[in-house]
PDB file of N, CA and C in Angstrom:
ATOM      1  N   MET A   1      36.676  25.566  23.336  1.00  0.00           N
ATOM      2  CA  MET A   1      37.293  26.362  22.307  1.00  0.00           C
ATOM      3  C   MET A   1      37.252  27.833  22.729  1.00  0.00           C
ATOM      4  N   ALA A   2      38.376  28.462  22.733  1.00  0.00           N
ATOM      5  CA  ALA A   2      38.464  29.863  23.126  1.00  0.00           C
ATOM      6  C   ALA A   2      37.973  30.761  21.993  1.00  0.00           C
ATOM      7  N   ARG A   3      37.288  31.811  22.361  1.00  0.00           N
ATOM      8  CA  ARG A   3      36.802  32.769  21.369  1.00  0.00           C
ATOM      9  C   ARG A   3      37.749  33.954  21.330  1.00  0.00           C
ATOM     10  N   GLN A   4      37.843  34.543  20.155  1.00  0.00           N
ATOM     11  CA  GLN A   4      38.637  35.741  19.988  1.00  0.00           C
ATOM     12  C   GLN A   4      37.806  36.782  19.251  1.00  0.00           C
ATOM     13  N   VAL A   5      38.092  38.039  19.550  1.00  0.00           N
ATOM     14  CA  VAL A   5      37.410  39.154  18.913  1.00  0.00           C
ATOM     15  C   VAL A   5      38.456  39.994  18.192  1.00  0.00           C
ATOM     16  N   SER A   6      38.181  40.322  16.941  1.00  0.00           N
ATOM     17  CA  SER A   6      39.065  41.231  16.211  1.00  0.00           C
ATOM     18  C   SER A   6      38.356  42.573  16.072  1.00  0.00           C
ATOM     19  N   TYR A   7      39.139  43.630  16.109  1.00  0.00           N
ATOM     20  CA  TYR A   7      38.585  44.975  15.961  1.00  0.00           C
ATOM     21  C   TYR A   7      39.690  45.937  15.580  1.00  0.00           C
ATOM     22  N   SER A   8      39.284  47.093  15.104  1.00  0.00           N
ATOM     23  CA  SER A   8      40.219  48.179  14.819  1.00  0.00           C
ATOM     24  C   SER A   8      39.919  49.301  15.797  1.00  0.00           C
ATOM     25  N   PHE A   9      40.971  49.841  16.384  1.00  0.00           N
ATOM     26  CA  PHE A   9      40.804  50.975  17.289  1.00  0.00           C
ATOM     27  C   PHE A   9      41.759  52.060  16.852  1.00  0.00           C
ATOM     28  N   LYS A  10      41.181  53.154  16.380  1.00  0.00           N
ATOM     29  CA  LYS A  10      41.945  54.296  15.875  1.00  0.00           C
ATOM     30  C   LYS A  10      42.966  53.857  14.830  1.00  0.00           C
ATOM     31  N   GLY A  11      42.496  52.993  13.928  1.00  0.00           N
ATOM     32  CA  GLY A  11      43.325  52.575  12.802  1.00  0.00           C
ATOM     33  C   GLY A  11      44.232  51.386  13.037  1.00  0.00           C
ATOM     34  N   LYS A  12      44.310  50.888  14.264  1.00  0.00           N
ATOM     35  CA  LYS A  12      45.171  49.745  14.558  1.00  0.00           C
ATOM     36  C   LYS A  12      44.320  48.493  14.742  1.00  0.00           C
ATOM     37  N   LYS A  13      44.639  47.449  14.007  1.00  0.00           N
ATOM     38  CA  LYS A  13      43.923  46.175  14.084  1.00  0.00           C
ATOM     39  C   LYS A  13      44.403  45.405  15.303  1.00  0.00           C
ATOM     40  N   LYS A  14      43.462  44.871  16.096  1.00  0.00           N
ATOM     41  CA  LYS A  14      43.808  44.140  17.317  1.00  0.00           C
ATOM     42  C   LYS A  14      42.933  42.906  17.448  1.00  0.00           C
ATOM     43  N   VAL A  15      43.426  41.919  18.193  1.00  0.00           N
ATOM     44  CA  VAL A  15      42.689  40.695  18.487  1.00  0.00           C
ATOM     45  C   VAL A  15      42.819  40.438  19.987  1.00  0.00           C
ATOM     46  N   ILE A  16      41.670  40.165  20.642  1.00  0.00           N
ATOM     47  CA  ILE A  16      41.673  39.894  22.079  1.00  0.00           C
ATOM     48  C   ILE A  16      40.902  38.611  22.365  1.00  0.00           C
ATOM     49  N   ALA A  17      41.149  38.043  23.532  1.00  0.00           N
ATOM     50  CA  ALA A  17      40.391  36.879  23.983  1.00  0.00           C
ATOM     51  C   ALA A  17      39.035  37.349  24.502  1.00  0.00           C
ATOM     52  N   PHE A  18      38.017  36.514  24.329  1.00  0.00           N
ATOM     53  CA  PHE A  18      36.670  36.866  24.750  1.00  0.00           C
ATOM     54  C   PHE A  18      36.051  35.712  25.524  1.00  0.00           C
ATOM     55  N   SER A  19      35.334  36.055  26.605  1.00  0.00           N
ATOM     56  CA  SER A  19      34.628  35.055  27.395  1.00  0.00           C
ATOM     57  C   SER A  19      33.307  35.656  27.869  1.00  0.00           C
ATOM     58  N   TYR A  20      32.230  34.883  27.715  1.00  0.00           N
ATOM     59  CA  TYR A  20      30.934  35.341  28.204  1.00  0.00           C
ATOM     60  C   TYR A  20      30.887  35.385  29.732  1.00  0.00           C
ATOM     61  N   ASP A  21      31.841  34.759  30.396  1.00  0.00           N
ATOM     62  CA  ASP A  21      31.922  34.834  31.855  1.00  0.00           C
ATOM     63  C   ASP A  21      32.289  36.239  32.314  1.00  0.00           C
ATOM     64  N   ARG A  22      33.071  36.932  31.504  1.00  0.00           N
ATOM     65  CA  ARG A  22      33.546  38.268  31.883  1.00  0.00           C
ATOM     66  C   ARG A  22      32.757  39.409  31.253  1.00  0.00           C
ATOM     67  N   PHE A  23      32.257  39.193  30.029  1.00  0.00           N
ATOM     68  CA  PHE A  23      31.632  40.281  29.278  1.00  0.00           C
ATOM     69  C   PHE A  23      30.255  39.872  28.762  1.00  0.00           C
ATOM     70  N   HIS A  24      29.381  40.849  28.663  1.00  0.00           N
ATOM     71  CA  HIS A  24      28.026  40.630  28.152  1.00  0.00           C
ATOM     72  C   HIS A  24      28.025  40.488  26.634  1.00  0.00           C
ATOM     73  N   ASP A  25      28.849  41.296  25.954  1.00  0.00           N
ATOM     74  CA  ASP A  25      28.916  41.232  24.497  1.00  0.00           C
ATOM     75  C   ASP A  25      30.272  41.708  23.996  1.00  0.00           C
ATOM     76  N   LEU A  26      30.437  41.688  22.690  1.00  0.00           N
ATOM     77  CA  LEU A  26      31.703  42.077  22.061  1.00  0.00           C
ATOM     78  C   LEU A  26      32.094  43.517  22.389  1.00  0.00           C
ATOM     79  N   PHE A  27      31.106  44.384  22.416  1.00  0.00           N
ATOM     80  CA  PHE A  27      31.369  45.800  22.621  1.00  0.00           C
ATOM     81  C   PHE A  27      31.947  46.078  24.007  1.00  0.00           C
ATOM     82  N   GLU A  28      31.422  45.413  25.018  1.00  0.00           N
ATOM     83  CA  GLU A  28      31.971  45.575  26.364  1.00  0.00           C
ATOM     84  C   GLU A  28      33.406  45.062  26.424  1.00  0.00           C
ATOM     85  N   ALA A  29      33.692  43.979  25.723  1.00  0.00           N
ATOM     86  CA  ALA A  29      35.035  43.399  25.736  1.00  0.00           C
ATOM     87  C   ALA A  29      36.062  44.331  25.105  1.00  0.00           C
ATOM     88  N   VAL A  30      35.729  44.906  23.952  1.00  0.00           N
ATOM     89  CA  VAL A  30      36.700  45.784  23.292  1.00  0.00           C
ATOM     90  C   VAL A  30      36.887  47.085  24.066  1.00  0.00           C
ATOM     91  N   ALA A  31      35.829  47.588  24.675  1.00  0.00           N
ATOM     92  CA  ALA A  31      35.950  48.805  25.486  1.00  0.00           C
ATOM     93  C   ALA A  31      36.828  48.542  26.706  1.00  0.00           C
ATOM     94  N   ALA A  32      36.656  47.396  27.344  1.00  0.00           N
ATOM     95  CA  ALA A  32      37.488  47.050  28.496  1.00  0.00           C
ATOM     96  C   ALA A  32      38.946  46.889  28.085  1.00  0.00           C
ATOM     97  N   ALA A  33      39.184  46.325  26.918  1.00  0.00           N
ATOM     98  CA  ALA A  33      40.558  46.146  26.436  1.00  0.00           C
ATOM     99  C   ALA A  33      41.247  47.486  26.209  1.00  0.00           C
ATOM    100  N   GLU A  34      40.477  48.498  25.837  1.00  0.00           N
ATOM    101  CA  GLU A  34      41.048  49.830  25.603  1.00  0.00           C
ATOM    102  C   GLU A  34      40.916  50.751  26.808  1.00  0.00           C
ATOM    103  N   GLY A  35      40.332  50.272  27.891  1.00  0.00           N
ATOM    104  CA  GLY A  35      40.218  51.058  29.118  1.00  0.00           C
ATOM    105  C   GLY A  35      39.159  52.142  29.058  1.00  0.00           C
ATOM    106  N   ILE A  36      38.103  51.921  28.322  1.00  0.00           N
ATOM    107  CA  ILE A  36      37.037  52.913  28.178  1.00  0.00           C
ATOM    108  C   ILE A  36      35.893  52.577  29.129  1.00  0.00           C
ATOM    109  N   ASP A  37      35.436  53.585  29.880  1.00  0.00           N
ATOM    110  CA  ASP A  37      34.320  53.419  30.817  1.00  0.00           C
ATOM    111  C   ASP A  37      33.002  53.536  30.058  1.00  0.00           C
ATOM    112  N   LEU A  38      32.159  52.525  30.173  1.00  0.00           N
ATOM    113  CA  LEU A  38      30.896  52.487  29.449  1.00  0.00           C
ATOM    114  C   LEU A  38      29.680  52.797  30.316  1.00  0.00           C
ATOM    115  N   THR A  39      29.860  53.375  31.473  1.00  0.00           N
ATOM    116  CA  THR A  39      28.749  53.626  32.390  1.00  0.00           C
ATOM    117  C   THR A  39      27.653  54.470  31.741  1.00  0.00           C
ATOM    118  N   ALA A  40      28.008  55.594  31.155  1.00  0.00           N
ATOM    119  CA  ALA A  40      27.020  56.468  30.526  1.00  0.00           C
ATOM    120  C   ALA A  40      26.404  55.806  29.296  1.00  0.00           C
ATOM    121  N   PHE A  41      27.219  55.113  28.524  1.00  0.00           N
ATOM    122  CA  PHE A  41      26.726  54.412  27.337  1.00  0.00           C
ATOM    123  C   PHE A  41      25.690  53.355  27.710  1.00  0.00           C
ATOM    124  N   LEU A  42      25.985  52.554  28.725  1.00  0.00           N
ATOM    125  CA  LEU A  42      25.066  51.490  29.136  1.00  0.00           C
ATOM    126  C   LEU A  42      23.759  52.045  29.688  1.00  0.00           C
ATOM    127  N   ALA A  43      23.831  53.176  30.388  1.00  0.00           N
ATOM    128  CA  ALA A  43      22.613  53.811  30.907  1.00  0.00           C
ATOM    129  C   ALA A  43      21.727  54.287  29.752  1.00  0.00           C
ATOM    130  N   MET A  44      22.323  54.898  28.739  1.00  0.00           N
ATOM    131  CA  MET A  44      21.556  55.371  27.587  1.00  0.00           C
ATOM    132  C   MET A  44      20.999  54.192  26.784  1.00  0.00           C
ATOM    133  N   GLU A  45      21.786  53.133  26.648  1.00  0.00           N
ATOM    134  CA  GLU A  45      21.322  51.957  25.931  1.00  0.00           C
ATOM    135  C   GLU A  45      20.116  51.323  26.640  1.00  0.00           C
ATOM    136  N   LYS A  46      20.140  51.307  27.964  1.00  0.00           N
ATOM    137  CA  LYS A  46      19.021  50.775  28.741  1.00  0.00           C
ATOM    138  C   LYS A  46      17.755  51.604  28.514  1.00  0.00           C
ATOM    139  N   GLN A  47      17.911  52.932  28.469  1.00  0.00           N
ATOM    140  CA  GLN A  47      16.774  53.801  28.191  1.00  0.00           C
ATOM    141  C   GLN A  47      16.213  53.549  26.798  1.00  0.00           C
ATOM    142  N   LEU A  48      17.105  53.363  25.831  1.00  0.00           N
ATOM    143  CA  LEU A  48      16.658  53.078  24.470  1.00  0.00           C
ATOM    144  C   LEU A  48      15.897  51.760  24.389  1.00  0.00           C
ATOM    145  N   LEU A  49      16.383  50.751  25.100  1.00  0.00           N
ATOM    146  CA  LEU A  49      15.697  49.455  25.111  1.00  0.00           C
ATOM    147  C   LEU A  49      14.271  49.581  25.640  1.00  0.00           C
ATOM    148  N   GLN A  50      14.085  50.474  26.595  1.00  0.00           N
ATOM    149  CA  GLN A  50      12.769  50.644  27.199  1.00  0.00           C
ATOM    150  C   GLN A  50      11.825  51.463  26.321  1.00  0.00           C
ATOM    151  N   THR A  51      12.358  52.375  25.531  1.00  0.00           N
ATOM    152  CA  THR A  51      11.497  53.283  24.776  1.00  0.00           C
ATOM    153  C   THR A  51      11.430  53.005  23.277  1.00  0.00           C
ATOM    154  N   ALA A  52      12.421  52.349  22.722  1.00  0.00           N
ATOM    155  CA  ALA A  52      12.449  52.122  21.271  1.00  0.00           C
ATOM    156  C   ALA A  52      11.409  51.093  20.856  1.00  0.00           C
ATOM    157  N   LYS A  53      10.834  51.302  19.697  1.00  0.00           N
ATOM    158  CA  LYS A  53       9.819  50.381  19.187  1.00  0.00           C
ATOM    159  C   LYS A  53      10.446  49.158  18.525  1.00  0.00           C
ATOM    160  N   ASP A  54      11.682  49.287  18.077  1.00  0.00           N
ATOM    161  CA  ASP A  54      12.362  48.149  17.462  1.00  0.00           C
ATOM    162  C   ASP A  54      13.828  48.110  17.904  1.00  0.00           C
ATOM    163  N   LYS A  55      14.436  46.966  17.754  1.00  0.00           N
ATOM    164  CA  LYS A  55      15.820  46.783  18.202  1.00  0.00           C
ATOM    165  C   LYS A  55      16.825  47.436  17.271  1.00  0.00           C
ATOM    166  N   ALA A  56      16.397  47.832  16.097  1.00  0.00           N
ATOM    167  CA  ALA A  56      17.301  48.478  15.148  1.00  0.00           C
ATOM    168  C   ALA A  56      17.820  49.809  15.695  1.00  0.00           C
ATOM    169  N   ALA A  57      17.002  50.509  16.452  1.00  0.00           N
ATOM    170  CA  ALA A  57      17.416  51.786  17.032  1.00  0.00           C
ATOM    171  C   ALA A  57      18.552  51.577  18.025  1.00  0.00           C
ATOM    172  N   VAL A  58      18.466  50.525  18.810  1.00  0.00           N
ATOM    173  CA  VAL A  58      19.507  50.226  19.800  1.00  0.00           C
ATOM    174  C   VAL A  58      20.799  49.817  19.091  1.00  0.00           C
ATOM    175  N   LYS A  59      20.672  48.977  18.079  1.00  0.00           N
ATOM    176  CA  LYS A  59      21.851  48.534  17.326  1.00  0.00           C
ATOM    177  C   LYS A  59      22.520  49.723  16.631  1.00  0.00           C
ATOM    178  N   ASN A  60      21.725  50.595  16.048  1.00  0.00           N
ATOM    179  CA  ASN A  60      22.255  51.776  15.374  1.00  0.00           C
ATOM    180  C   ASN A  60      22.976  52.688  16.363  1.00  0.00           C
ATOM    181  N   TYR A  61      22.390  52.900  17.536  1.00  0.00           N
ATOM    182  CA  TYR A  61      23.020  53.721  18.572  1.00  0.00           C
ATOM    183  C   TYR A  61      24.369  53.127  18.984  1.00  0.00           C
ATOM    184  N   ARG A  62      24.397  51.819  19.189  1.00  0.00           N
ATOM    185  CA  ARG A  62      25.618  51.136  19.604  1.00  0.00           C
ATOM    186  C   ARG A  62      26.716  51.302  18.545  1.00  0.00           C
ATOM    187  N   LEU A  63      26.382  51.047  17.288  1.00  0.00           N
ATOM    188  CA  LEU A  63      27.375  51.142  16.217  1.00  0.00           C
ATOM    189  C   LEU A  63      27.890  52.569  16.040  1.00  0.00           C
ATOM    190  N   GLN A  64      26.990  53.544  16.095  1.00  0.00           N
ATOM    191  CA  GLN A  64      27.400  54.939  15.936  1.00  0.00           C
ATOM    192  C   GLN A  64      28.272  55.410  17.095  1.00  0.00           C
ATOM    193  N   THR A  65      27.904  55.043  18.311  1.00  0.00           N
ATOM    194  CA  THR A  65      28.673  55.467  19.484  1.00  0.00           C
ATOM    195  C   THR A  65      30.071  54.872  19.465  1.00  0.00           C
ATOM    196  N   PHE A  66      30.182  53.592  19.166  1.00  0.00           N
ATOM    197  CA  PHE A  66      31.499  52.965  19.125  1.00  0.00           C
ATOM    198  C   PHE A  66      32.335  53.489  17.962  1.00  0.00           C
ATOM    199  N   SER A  67      31.684  53.848  16.875  1.00  0.00           N
ATOM    200  CA  SER A  67      32.403  54.449  15.756  1.00  0.00           C
ATOM    201  C   SER A  67      32.995  55.799  16.165  1.00  0.00           C
ATOM    202  N   LYS A  68      32.223  56.587  16.916  1.00  0.00           N
ATOM    203  CA  LYS A  68      32.714  57.887  17.400  1.00  0.00           C
ATOM    204  C   LYS A  68      33.880  57.721  18.380  1.00  0.00           C
ATOM    205  N   MET A  69      33.887  56.611  19.126  1.00  0.00           N
ATOM    206  CA  MET A  69      34.979  56.330  20.063  1.00  0.00           C
ATOM    207  C   MET A  69      36.255  55.916  19.338  1.00  0.00           C
ATOM    208  N   GLY A  70      36.137  55.512  18.075  1.00  0.00           N
ATOM    209  CA  GLY A  70      37.311  55.113  17.310  1.00  0.00           C
ATOM    210  C   GLY A  70      37.371  53.640  16.964  1.00  0.00           C
ATOM    211  N   PHE A  71      36.293  52.895  17.262  1.00  0.00           N
ATOM    212  CA  PHE A  71      36.259  51.459  16.970  1.00  0.00           C
ATOM    213  C   PHE A  71      35.681  51.213  15.581  1.00  0.00           C
ATOM    214  N   ALA A  72      36.134  50.121  14.965  1.00  0.00           N
ATOM    215  CA  ALA A  72      35.583  49.688  13.680  1.00  0.00           C
ATOM    216  C   ALA A  72      35.778  48.188  13.544  1.00  0.00           C
ATOM    217  N   ASP A  73      34.970  47.574  12.710  1.00  0.00           N
ATOM    218  CA  ASP A  73      35.112  46.154  12.356  1.00  0.00           C
ATOM    219  C   ASP A  73      35.164  45.226  13.566  1.00  0.00           C
ATOM    220  N   ILE A  74      34.253  45.376  14.496  1.00  0.00           N
ATOM    221  CA  ILE A  74      34.208  44.513  15.684  1.00  0.00           C
ATOM    222  C   ILE A  74      33.491  43.219  15.309  1.00  0.00           C
ATOM    223  N   ALA A  75      34.200  42.089  15.456  1.00  0.00           N
ATOM    224  CA  ALA A  75      33.612  40.802  15.079  1.00  0.00           C
ATOM    225  C   ALA A  75      34.364  39.655  15.736  1.00  0.00           C
ATOM    226  N   PHE A  76      33.675  38.518  15.853  1.00  0.00           N
ATOM    227  CA  PHE A  76      34.347  37.312  16.312  1.00  0.00           C
ATOM    228  C   PHE A  76      35.306  36.833  15.229  1.00  0.00           C
ATOM    229  N   VAL A  77      36.419  36.249  15.647  1.00  0.00           N
ATOM    230  CA  VAL A  77      37.359  35.647  14.708  1.00  0.00           C
ATOM    231  C   VAL A  77      36.831  34.263  14.375  1.00  0.00           C
ATOM    232  N   ARG A  78      36.680  33.991  13.117  1.00  0.00           N
ATOM    233  CA  ARG A  78      36.217  32.672  12.683  1.00  0.00           C
ATOM    234  C   ARG A  78      37.418  31.794  12.403  1.00  0.00           C
ATOM    235  N   GLU A  79      37.378  30.626  12.996  1.00  0.00           N
ATOM    236  CA  GLU A  79      38.448  29.667  12.751  1.00  0.00           C
ATOM    237  C   GLU A  79      38.015  28.738  11.631  1.00  0.00           C
ATOM    238  N   ASN A  80      38.933  28.433  10.753  1.00  0.00           N
ATOM    239  CA  ASN A  80      38.639  27.520   9.658  1.00  0.00           C
ATOM    240  C   ASN A  80      38.883  26.084  10.135  1.00  0.00           C
ATOM    241  N   PRO A  81      37.822  25.310  10.289  1.00  0.00           N
ATOM    242  CA  PRO A  81      38.018  23.939  10.732  1.00  0.00           C
ATOM    243  C   PRO A  81      38.697  23.117   9.627  1.00  0.00           C
ATOM    244  N   GLU A  82      39.692  22.358  10.012  1.00  0.00           N
ATOM    245  CA  GLU A  82      40.398  21.522   9.049  1.00  0.00           C
ATOM    246  C   GLU A  82      39.687  20.193   8.957  1.00  0.00           C
ATOM    247  N   THR A  83      39.306  19.831   7.756  1.00  0.00           N
ATOM    248  CA  THR A  83      38.604  18.568   7.575  1.00  0.00           C
ATOM    249  C   THR A  83      39.390  17.633   6.699  1.00  0.00           C
TER     250      THR A  83
END
């Protein structure tokens, strides 16, 4: 079953294909779809993982940074199984 990710980028709603073979997480996939380089972001996230006492700090950093880039509502598309 193919996975899809929905997100908003600068006010436009988009849906892309997602594969764990190509991307580590949803955020990397949407950034790649928009052509955004995450080198500096990933370096800072790695530093936070090493120094933060809880994972909430890393999650908060990720959400705030992507919000500043213009992303919103990043989530997997849920398919309704027909029964």
